[in-house]
Protein backbone atom coordinates (compact mmCIF):
# COMPACT_ATOMS: atom_id res chain seq x y z
CA UNK A 1 0.00 0.00 0.00
CA UNK A 2 1.25 3.48 -0.81
CA UNK A 3 1.59 5.94 2.04
CA UNK A 4 -1.36 8.24 1.35
CA UNK A 5 -1.02 10.21 4.57
CA UNK A 6 -0.86 13.92 3.91
CA UNK A 7 -0.89 16.79 6.36
CA UNK A 8 -3.58 19.18 5.20
CA UNK A 9 -3.38 22.76 6.53
CA UNK A 10 -6.78 23.97 7.71
CA UNK A 11 -7.44 27.57 8.75
CA UNK A 12 -8.79 27.98 12.28
CA UNK A 13 -9.87 31.41 13.40
CA UNK A 14 -9.18 32.58 16.90
CA UNK A 15 -10.26 35.80 18.57
CA UNK A 16 -7.36 37.79 17.08
CA UNK A 17 -5.78 35.88 14.24
CA UNK A 18 -6.00 32.88 11.98
CA UNK A 19 -3.74 29.90 12.60
CA UNK A 20 -3.22 26.77 10.55
CA UNK A 21 -3.66 23.30 12.01
CA UNK A 22 -2.24 20.17 10.40
CA UNK A 23 -4.91 17.59 9.69
CA UNK A 24 -3.37 14.25 8.76
CA UNK A 25 -5.10 12.44 5.93
CA UNK A 26 -5.38 8.78 6.90
CA UNK A 27 -7.19 7.34 3.87
CA UNK A 28 -8.53 8.24 0.44
CA UNK A 29 -10.86 6.25 -1.82
CA UNK A 30 -13.33 7.02 -4.63
CA UNK A 31 -12.80 10.77 -4.13
CA UNK A 32 -13.47 10.51 -0.38
CA UNK A 33 -10.80 11.94 1.93
CA UNK A 34 -10.63 10.76 5.55
CA UNK A 35 -8.64 12.79 8.08
CA UNK A 36 -8.19 13.05 11.83
CA UNK A 37 -7.21 16.10 13.89
CA UNK A 38 -4.63 16.11 16.65
CA UNK A 39 -6.01 17.08 20.08
CA UNK A 40 -9.63 16.85 18.97
CA UNK A 41 -12.62 16.70 21.31
CA UNK A 42 -14.53 13.55 22.31
CA UNK A 43 -16.24 11.40 21.26
CA UNK A 44 -13.61 9.68 19.11
CA UNK A 45 -14.36 10.59 15.50
CA UNK A 46 -12.92 11.26 12.07
CA UNK A 47 -13.49 13.88 9.39
CA UNK A 48 -14.61 13.17 5.84
CA UNK A 49 -14.59 15.34 2.72
CA UNK A 50 -16.25 14.41 -0.54
CA UNK A 51 -16.66 17.04 -3.24
CA UNK A 52 -18.27 20.02 -1.53
CA UNK A 53 -19.55 17.90 1.36
CA UNK A 54 -18.01 17.54 4.81
CA UNK A 55 -18.97 15.33 7.72
CA UNK A 56 -17.72 14.11 11.07
CA UNK A 57 -18.46 10.49 11.97
CA UNK A 58 -18.17 8.77 15.33
CA UNK A 59 -15.71 5.89 15.26
CA UNK A 60 -17.66 3.52 17.52
CA UNK A 61 -21.03 3.72 15.76
CA UNK A 62 -20.38 5.28 12.35
CA UNK A 63 -23.04 7.87 13.19
CA UNK A 64 -22.81 11.27 11.50
CA UNK A 65 -22.16 13.80 14.26
CA UNK A 66 -22.00 16.84 12.01
CA UNK A 67 -22.40 17.68 8.34
CA UNK A 68 -23.64 15.52 5.52
CA UNK A 69 -22.53 13.26 2.70
CA UNK A 70 -24.46 11.97 -0.29
CA UNK A 71 -26.09 8.62 0.58
CA UNK A 72 -23.80 6.51 -1.61
CA UNK A 73 -20.63 8.15 -0.24
CA UNK A 74 -21.93 7.83 3.32
CA UNK A 75 -22.59 4.12 2.77
CA UNK A 76 -19.03 3.60 1.56
CA UNK A 77 -17.57 5.53 4.51
CA UNK A 78 -19.66 3.60 7.04
CA UNK A 79 -18.62 0.29 5.42
CA UNK A 80 -14.96 1.36 5.45
CA UNK A 81 -15.13 2.56 9.07
CA UNK A 82 -16.71 -0.69 10.27
CA UNK A 83 -13.95 -2.69 8.57
CA UNK A 84 -11.22 -0.50 10.09
CA UNK A 85 -12.64 0.40 13.49
CA UNK A 86 -9.63 -0.86 15.46
CA UNK A 87 -7.22 1.09 13.24
CA UNK A 88 -9.34 4.24 13.61
CA UNK A 89 -9.33 3.82 17.40
CA UNK A 90 -5.54 3.36 17.33
CA UNK A 91 -5.09 6.52 15.26
CA UNK A 92 -7.39 8.42 17.66
CA UNK A 93 -5.13 7.37 20.56
CA UNK A 94 -2.01 8.29 18.58
CA UNK A 95 -3.50 11.70 17.70
CA UNK A 96 -4.06 12.42 21.39
CA UNK A 97 -0.35 11.76 22.00
CA UNK A 98 0.70 13.82 18.94
CA UNK A 99 2.23 10.68 17.45
CA UNK A 100 2.24 10.20 13.68
CA UNK A 101 -1.02 8.71 12.45
CA UNK A 102 -0.94 5.51 10.47
CA UNK A 103 -2.50 5.33 7.01
CA UNK A 104 -5.51 3.02 6.73
CA UNK A 105 -6.18 0.91 3.63
CA UNK A 106 -8.84 2.40 1.38
CA UNK A 107 -12.12 0.75 0.50
CA UNK A 108 -11.56 -1.38 -2.58
């Protein structure tokens, strides 16, 4: 498997200035990009981008916590997350320790 992990700079606005946060990409398949923030808030979750859509899904249940995805893309992400739940949980733990995140095989 190729190392698809990429650190994606995302603008975060504070009260006085904008700062950039690195968001490691942990998987990519069929135009869907999966990423996980360092030092993110509970519950354990991951971020998904697909076209102009964005969503946050809970690792344990695959439930959409925020945002939306087209039904077909959401189905693929939920299938992928169920197959890689342990790896997602490991990356969540690593992110909390600021350790490098491990890439996760894409849905094939």
